[in-house]
Amino acid sequence: MELLFNEQDLVDSVCVFAAAKEYTNPESVEADVMFNPSFGFSATANVRGRIRNLSEQELIDAVAVYLRDYHNFTPDRLLVDLRFTENEGIMASIQVR
């Protein structure tokens, strides 16, 4: 099975991930995902004025945590592939094994 996440789904994943790390609720997190051809994918999360920078691997982990917490997927069975296109922005293809 393949799941497709658009940019908003990725932002939601970052909010859930950062909220878990900061012991708060996802609604109190502002997040942004980014792609730089030289550096790859990354994200930032603003949790009550505290900025948390996420690496590409942490962004992938955020998707796995989101799917685990909200949709009962097993993170070890997910293969997350981040993608960027000019037309659709940042996306993720998630293969469930």
Protein backbone atom coordinates (compact mmCIF):
# COMPACT_ATOMS: atom_id res chain seq x y z
CA MET A 1 0.00 0.00 0.00
CA GLU A 2 1.18 3.53 -0.75
CA LEU A 3 0.12 6.69 1.06
CA LEU A 4 0.75 10.17 -0.33
CA PHE A 5 1.25 13.18 1.92
CA ASN A 6 1.00 16.70 0.60
CA GLU A 7 2.82 19.63 2.17
CA GLN A 8 0.04 20.27 4.71
CA ASP A 9 0.18 16.64 5.85
CA LEU A 10 3.93 17.08 6.41
CA VAL A 11 3.37 20.27 8.40
CA ASP A 12 0.79 18.44 10.53
CA SER A 13 3.33 15.65 11.10
CA VAL A 14 5.95 18.16 12.25
CA CYS A 15 3.44 19.71 14.66
CA VAL A 16 2.64 16.32 16.20
CA PHE A 17 6.33 15.38 16.41
CA ALA A 18 7.45 18.68 17.96
CA ALA A 19 4.54 18.70 20.39
CA ALA A 20 5.53 15.25 21.65
CA LYS A 21 9.13 16.39 22.15
CA GLU A 22 8.06 19.57 23.99
CA TYR A 23 5.23 17.98 26.02
CA THR A 24 2.50 20.17 24.59
CA ASN A 25 -0.41 19.82 22.16
CA PRO A 26 0.06 19.99 18.37
CA GLU A 27 -2.26 22.99 18.10
CA SER A 28 0.31 25.14 19.93
CA VAL A 29 3.01 24.43 17.31
CA GLU A 30 3.64 26.43 14.14
CA ALA A 31 5.63 24.51 11.55
CA ASP A 32 7.16 24.92 8.12
CA VAL A 33 8.80 22.39 5.80
CA MET A 34 11.55 23.35 3.38
CA PHE A 35 13.60 22.00 0.51
CA ASN A 36 16.99 23.29 -0.55
CA PRO A 37 18.70 21.57 -3.50
CA SER A 38 22.07 21.82 -1.73
CA PHE A 39 20.95 20.69 1.74
CA GLY A 40 17.85 18.56 1.17
CA PHE A 41 14.68 18.60 3.25
CA SER A 42 14.24 20.17 6.66
CA ALA A 43 11.58 21.69 8.88
CA THR A 44 11.20 24.22 11.65
CA ALA A 45 8.75 24.13 14.51
CA ASN A 46 7.91 27.08 16.73
CA VAL A 47 6.71 25.86 20.11
CA ARG A 48 5.70 28.81 22.28
CA GLY A 49 8.55 30.95 20.93
CA ARG A 50 11.14 28.18 21.05
CA ILE A 51 12.39 27.21 17.58
CA ARG A 52 13.18 23.56 16.90
CA ASN A 53 15.02 22.71 13.66
CA LEU A 54 14.37 19.29 12.19
CA SER A 55 16.74 17.47 9.86
CA GLU A 56 15.57 15.39 6.92
CA GLN A 57 15.67 12.24 9.06
CA GLU A 58 13.63 13.92 11.80
CA LEU A 59 11.08 14.97 9.17
CA ILE A 60 10.83 11.33 8.09
CA ASP A 61 10.50 10.32 11.75
CA ALA A 62 7.75 12.91 12.17
CA VAL A 63 5.72 11.25 9.41
CA ALA A 64 6.15 7.87 11.11
CA VAL A 65 5.14 9.27 14.52
CA TYR A 66 2.07 10.97 13.01
CA LEU A 67 0.96 7.76 11.30
CA ARG A 68 1.60 5.76 14.48
CA ASP A 69 -0.26 8.14 16.80
CA TYR A 70 -3.21 9.03 14.59
CA HIS A 71 -3.66 6.01 12.32
CA ASN A 72 -2.15 3.08 14.25
CA PHE A 73 0.58 2.25 11.74
CA THR A 74 3.74 0.45 12.85
CA PRO A 75 6.66 2.87 12.21
CA ASP A 76 9.11 0.03 11.45
CA ARG A 77 6.92 -0.99 8.52
CA LEU A 78 6.97 2.43 6.82
CA LEU A 79 9.32 3.55 4.07
CA VAL A 80 9.07 7.34 3.68
CA ASP A 81 10.37 9.01 0.52
CA LEU A 82 10.36 12.82 0.49
CA ARG A 83 9.95 14.55 -2.88
CA PHE A 84 9.90 18.07 -4.25
CA THR A 85 8.31 19.22 -7.51
CA GLU A 86 7.78 22.75 -8.76
CA ASN A 87 4.08 22.11 -9.32
CA GLU A 88 3.14 20.35 -6.09
CA GLY A 89 5.82 21.46 -3.63
CA ILE A 90 7.08 19.08 -0.96
CA MET A 91 5.40 15.70 -0.73
CA ALA A 92 6.00 12.29 0.79
CA SER A 93 5.35 8.87 -0.61
CA ILE A 94 4.95 6.31 2.17
CA GLN A 95 5.18 2.62 1.40
CA VAL A 96 3.61 0.35 4.00
CA ARG A 97 5.32 -3.04 4.13
